[in-house]
Amino acid sequence: MSGNAEKAAALLKNSGAKAKAAAGKLRDLATDPEVQAKVKKAADEGKKVYDAVTSPKAMEFYRQAAELIKKTRKK
């Protein structure tokens, strides 16, 4: 059994080192100004899409489309 305990301890130690290395890479990536600019651009584009989809004009279009679908299903 002591062999298994040693293997488990080594596995935990190795996993901790891998997690620490991955966290370091993630932190480096998150603090990169180029990556931050890309994320900000994507967030801005997402906000524009959300605003367009939730606009009153879009809601009216959705209602009209739903009515058309209902009418075609009834026939």
N, C-alpha and C. Protein backbone atom coordinates (compact mmCIF):
# COMPACT_ATOMS: atom_id res chain seq x y z
N MET A 1 0.81 -1.20 0.00
CA MET A 1 0.00 0.00 0.00
C MET A 1 0.85 1.25 0.00
N SER A 2 2.04 1.17 0.59
CA SER A 2 2.86 2.38 0.66
C SER A 2 3.26 2.83 -0.74
N GLY A 3 3.37 1.90 -1.68
CA GLY A 3 3.68 2.25 -3.06
C GLY A 3 2.57 3.09 -3.67
N ASN A 4 1.34 2.72 -3.36
CA ASN A 4 0.20 3.47 -3.88
C ASN A 4 0.14 4.87 -3.26
N ALA A 5 0.46 4.95 -1.98
CA ALA A 5 0.44 6.26 -1.32
C ALA A 5 1.51 7.16 -1.91
N GLU A 6 2.66 6.61 -2.21
CA GLU A 6 3.73 7.40 -2.82
C GLU A 6 3.35 7.86 -4.22
N LYS A 7 2.70 6.97 -4.95
CA LYS A 7 2.24 7.34 -6.30
C LYS A 7 1.21 8.45 -6.24
N ALA A 8 0.29 8.34 -5.29
CA ALA A 8 -0.75 9.37 -5.14
C ALA A 8 -0.13 10.70 -4.74
N ALA A 9 0.84 10.68 -3.83
CA ALA A 9 1.50 11.92 -3.42
C ALA A 9 2.25 12.54 -4.58
N ALA A 10 2.92 11.72 -5.37
CA ALA A 10 3.65 12.23 -6.54
C ALA A 10 2.69 12.80 -7.57
N LEU A 11 1.56 12.13 -7.75
CA LEU A 11 0.56 12.62 -8.70
C LEU A 11 0.01 13.96 -8.26
N LEU A 12 -0.31 14.11 -6.97
CA LEU A 12 -0.81 15.38 -6.45
C LEU A 12 0.23 16.49 -6.61
N LYS A 13 1.48 16.17 -6.32
CA LYS A 13 2.55 17.16 -6.43
C LYS A 13 2.70 17.60 -7.89
N ASN A 14 2.69 16.64 -8.79
CA ASN A 14 2.82 16.93 -10.21
C ASN A 14 1.63 17.74 -10.71
N SER A 15 0.43 17.39 -10.27
CA SER A 15 -0.77 18.12 -10.67
C SER A 15 -0.73 19.55 -10.18
N GLY A 16 -0.24 19.75 -8.97
CA GLY A 16 -0.12 21.11 -8.43
C GLY A 16 0.84 21.95 -9.25
N ALA A 17 1.94 21.36 -9.67
CA ALA A 17 2.92 22.08 -10.49
C ALA A 17 2.32 22.44 -11.84
N LYS A 18 1.57 21.51 -12.42
CA LYS A 18 0.92 21.77 -13.71
C LYS A 18 -0.12 22.88 -13.58
N ALA A 19 -0.89 22.85 -12.50
CA ALA A 19 -1.90 23.88 -12.28
C ALA A 19 -1.25 25.24 -12.09
N LYS A 20 -0.16 25.28 -11.37
CA LYS A 20 0.56 26.54 -11.15
C LYS A 20 1.10 27.08 -12.46
N ALA A 21 1.66 26.23 -13.29
CA ALA A 21 2.18 26.65 -14.59
C ALA A 21 1.06 27.17 -15.49
N ALA A 22 -0.07 26.47 -15.49
CA ALA A 22 -1.21 26.90 -16.31
C ALA A 22 -1.75 28.24 -15.83
N ALA A 23 -1.81 28.42 -14.53
CA ALA A 23 -2.29 29.70 -13.98
C ALA A 23 -1.34 30.83 -14.36
N GLY A 24 -0.06 30.56 -14.35
CA GLY A 24 0.91 31.57 -14.76
C GLY A 24 0.75 31.96 -16.21
N LYS A 25 0.53 30.97 -17.08
CA LYS A 25 0.31 31.24 -18.50
C LYS A 25 -0.97 32.05 -18.71
N LEU A 26 -2.00 31.68 -17.97
CA LEU A 26 -3.27 32.39 -18.08
C LEU A 26 -3.13 33.84 -17.62
N ARG A 27 -2.39 34.05 -16.55
CA ARG A 27 -2.16 35.41 -16.05
C ARG A 27 -1.38 36.23 -17.06
N ASP A 28 -0.35 35.65 -17.66
CA ASP A 28 0.42 36.34 -18.69
C ASP A 28 -0.45 36.71 -19.87
N LEU A 29 -1.31 35.79 -20.25
CA LEU A 29 -2.20 36.04 -21.38
C LEU A 29 -3.20 37.15 -21.05
N ALA A 30 -3.74 37.13 -19.84
CA ALA A 30 -4.74 38.12 -19.44
C ALA A 30 -4.15 39.51 -19.28
N THR A 31 -2.88 39.60 -18.94
CA THR A 31 -2.27 40.92 -18.76
C THR A 31 -1.65 41.46 -20.04
N ASP A 32 -1.71 40.70 -21.12
CA ASP A 32 -1.17 41.14 -22.41
C ASP A 32 -2.09 42.23 -22.98
N PRO A 33 -1.55 43.43 -23.27
CA PRO A 33 -2.38 44.52 -23.80
C PRO A 33 -3.07 44.18 -25.12
N GLU A 34 -2.42 43.40 -25.96
CA GLU A 34 -3.03 43.03 -27.23
C GLU A 34 -4.26 42.16 -27.02
N VAL A 35 -4.16 41.23 -26.10
CA VAL A 35 -5.30 40.35 -25.79
C VAL A 35 -6.42 41.16 -25.14
N GLN A 36 -6.08 42.08 -24.27
CA GLN A 36 -7.09 42.93 -23.64
C GLN A 36 -7.83 43.76 -24.68
N ALA A 37 -7.11 44.25 -25.69
CA ALA A 37 -7.75 45.04 -26.75
C ALA A 37 -8.71 44.16 -27.55
N LYS A 38 -8.31 42.92 -27.84
CA LYS A 38 -9.19 42.00 -28.58
C LYS A 38 -10.45 41.70 -27.78
N VAL A 39 -10.29 41.48 -26.48
CA VAL A 39 -11.44 41.18 -25.64
C VAL A 39 -12.38 42.37 -25.56
N LYS A 40 -11.83 43.57 -25.44
CA LYS A 40 -12.65 44.78 -25.39
C LYS A 40 -13.42 44.96 -26.69
N LYS A 41 -12.74 44.71 -27.82
CA LYS A 41 -13.39 44.83 -29.12
C LYS A 41 -14.54 43.82 -29.24
N ALA A 42 -14.29 42.59 -28.82
CA ALA A 42 -15.32 41.56 -28.88
C ALA A 42 -16.51 41.91 -27.99
N ALA A 43 -16.22 42.46 -26.81
CA ALA A 43 -17.30 42.86 -25.90
C ALA A 43 -18.12 43.99 -26.50
N ASP A 44 -17.45 44.94 -27.13
CA ASP A 44 -18.16 46.05 -27.76
C ASP A 44 -19.05 45.56 -28.90
N GLU A 45 -18.52 44.63 -29.70
CA GLU A 45 -19.31 44.06 -30.79
C GLU A 45 -20.50 43.28 -30.25
N GLY A 46 -20.27 42.54 -29.18
CA GLY A 46 -21.36 41.80 -28.55
C GLY A 46 -22.45 42.72 -28.04
N LYS A 47 -22.05 43.85 -27.48
CA LYS A 47 -23.03 44.82 -26.98
C LYS A 47 -23.85 45.38 -28.13
N LYS A 48 -23.20 45.66 -29.25
CA LYS A 48 -23.92 46.18 -30.42
C LYS A 48 -24.94 45.16 -30.92
N VAL A 49 -24.53 43.90 -30.98
CA VAL A 49 -25.45 42.85 -31.43
C VAL A 49 -26.62 42.72 -30.46
N TYR A 50 -26.34 42.75 -29.16
CA TYR A 50 -27.40 42.64 -28.16
C TYR A 50 -28.38 43.81 -28.30
N ASP A 51 -27.84 45.02 -28.46
CA ASP A 51 -28.71 46.19 -28.61
C ASP A 51 -29.58 46.07 -29.86
N ALA A 52 -28.99 45.56 -30.95
CA ALA A 52 -29.75 45.41 -32.19
C ALA A 52 -30.85 44.37 -32.04
N VAL A 53 -30.55 43.28 -31.37
CA VAL A 53 -31.52 42.20 -31.23
C VAL A 53 -32.65 42.57 -30.28
N THR A 54 -32.37 43.39 -29.29
CA THR A 54 -33.39 43.74 -28.31
C THR A 54 -34.06 45.08 -28.60
N SER A 55 -33.80 45.65 -29.76
CA SER A 55 -34.41 46.93 -30.11
C SER A 55 -35.90 46.75 -30.37
N PRO A 56 -36.69 47.82 -30.23
CA PRO A 56 -38.13 47.71 -30.51
C PRO A 56 -38.43 47.29 -31.95
N LYS A 57 -37.59 47.73 -32.88
CA LYS A 57 -37.79 47.36 -34.28
C LYS A 57 -37.62 45.85 -34.47
N ALA A 58 -36.62 45.29 -33.81
CA ALA A 58 -36.39 43.85 -33.90
C ALA A 58 -37.54 43.09 -33.24
N MET A 59 -38.01 43.58 -32.11
CA MET A 59 -39.13 42.92 -31.42
C MET A 59 -40.37 42.88 -32.31
N GLU A 60 -40.64 43.96 -33.03
CA GLU A 60 -41.78 44.00 -33.93
C GLU A 60 -41.59 42.99 -35.06
N PHE A 61 -40.38 42.89 -35.57
CA PHE A 61 -40.10 41.91 -36.62
C PHE A 61 -40.34 40.49 -36.10
N TYR A 62 -39.90 40.21 -34.88
CA TYR A 62 -40.10 38.88 -34.29
C TYR A 62 -41.60 38.57 -34.16
N ARG A 63 -42.38 39.56 -33.74
CA ARG A 63 -43.83 39.35 -33.61
C ARG A 63 -44.46 39.02 -34.96
N GLN A 64 -44.06 39.79 -35.99
CA GLN A 64 -44.60 39.55 -37.33
C GLN A 64 -44.21 38.15 -37.82
N ALA A 65 -42.99 37.77 -37.58
CA ALA A 65 -42.54 36.44 -38.00
C ALA A 65 -43.31 35.35 -37.26
N ALA A 66 -43.56 35.54 -35.98
CA ALA A 66 -44.31 34.56 -35.20
C ALA A 66 -45.74 34.44 -35.71
N GLU A 67 -46.35 35.55 -36.05
CA GLU A 67 -47.71 35.51 -36.60
C GLU A 67 -47.74 34.77 -37.93
N LEU A 68 -46.76 35.02 -38.76
CA LEU A 68 -46.69 34.36 -40.06
C LEU A 68 -46.52 32.85 -39.88
N ILE A 69 -45.69 32.46 -38.94
CA ILE A 69 -45.48 31.03 -38.68
C ILE A 69 -46.77 30.39 -38.17
N LYS A 70 -47.48 31.09 -37.28
CA LYS A 70 -48.76 30.56 -36.77
C LYS A 70 -49.75 30.35 -37.90
N LYS A 71 -49.85 31.35 -38.78
CA LYS A 71 -50.81 31.26 -39.89
C LYS A 71 -50.47 30.10 -40.82
N THR A 72 -49.19 29.92 -41.10
CA THR A 72 -48.81 28.84 -42.02
C THR A 72 -49.00 27.47 -41.39
N ARG A 73 -48.87 27.37 -40.09
CA ARG A 73 -49.08 26.08 -39.42
C ARG A 73 -50.55 25.71 -39.37
N LYS A 74 -51.43 26.70 -39.28
CA LYS A 74 -52.86 26.44 -39.21
C LYS A 74 -53.39 25.91 -40.53
N LYS A 75 -52.78 26.27 -41.64
CA LYS A 75 -53.28 25.86 -42.95
C LYS A 75 -53.01 24.43 -43.26
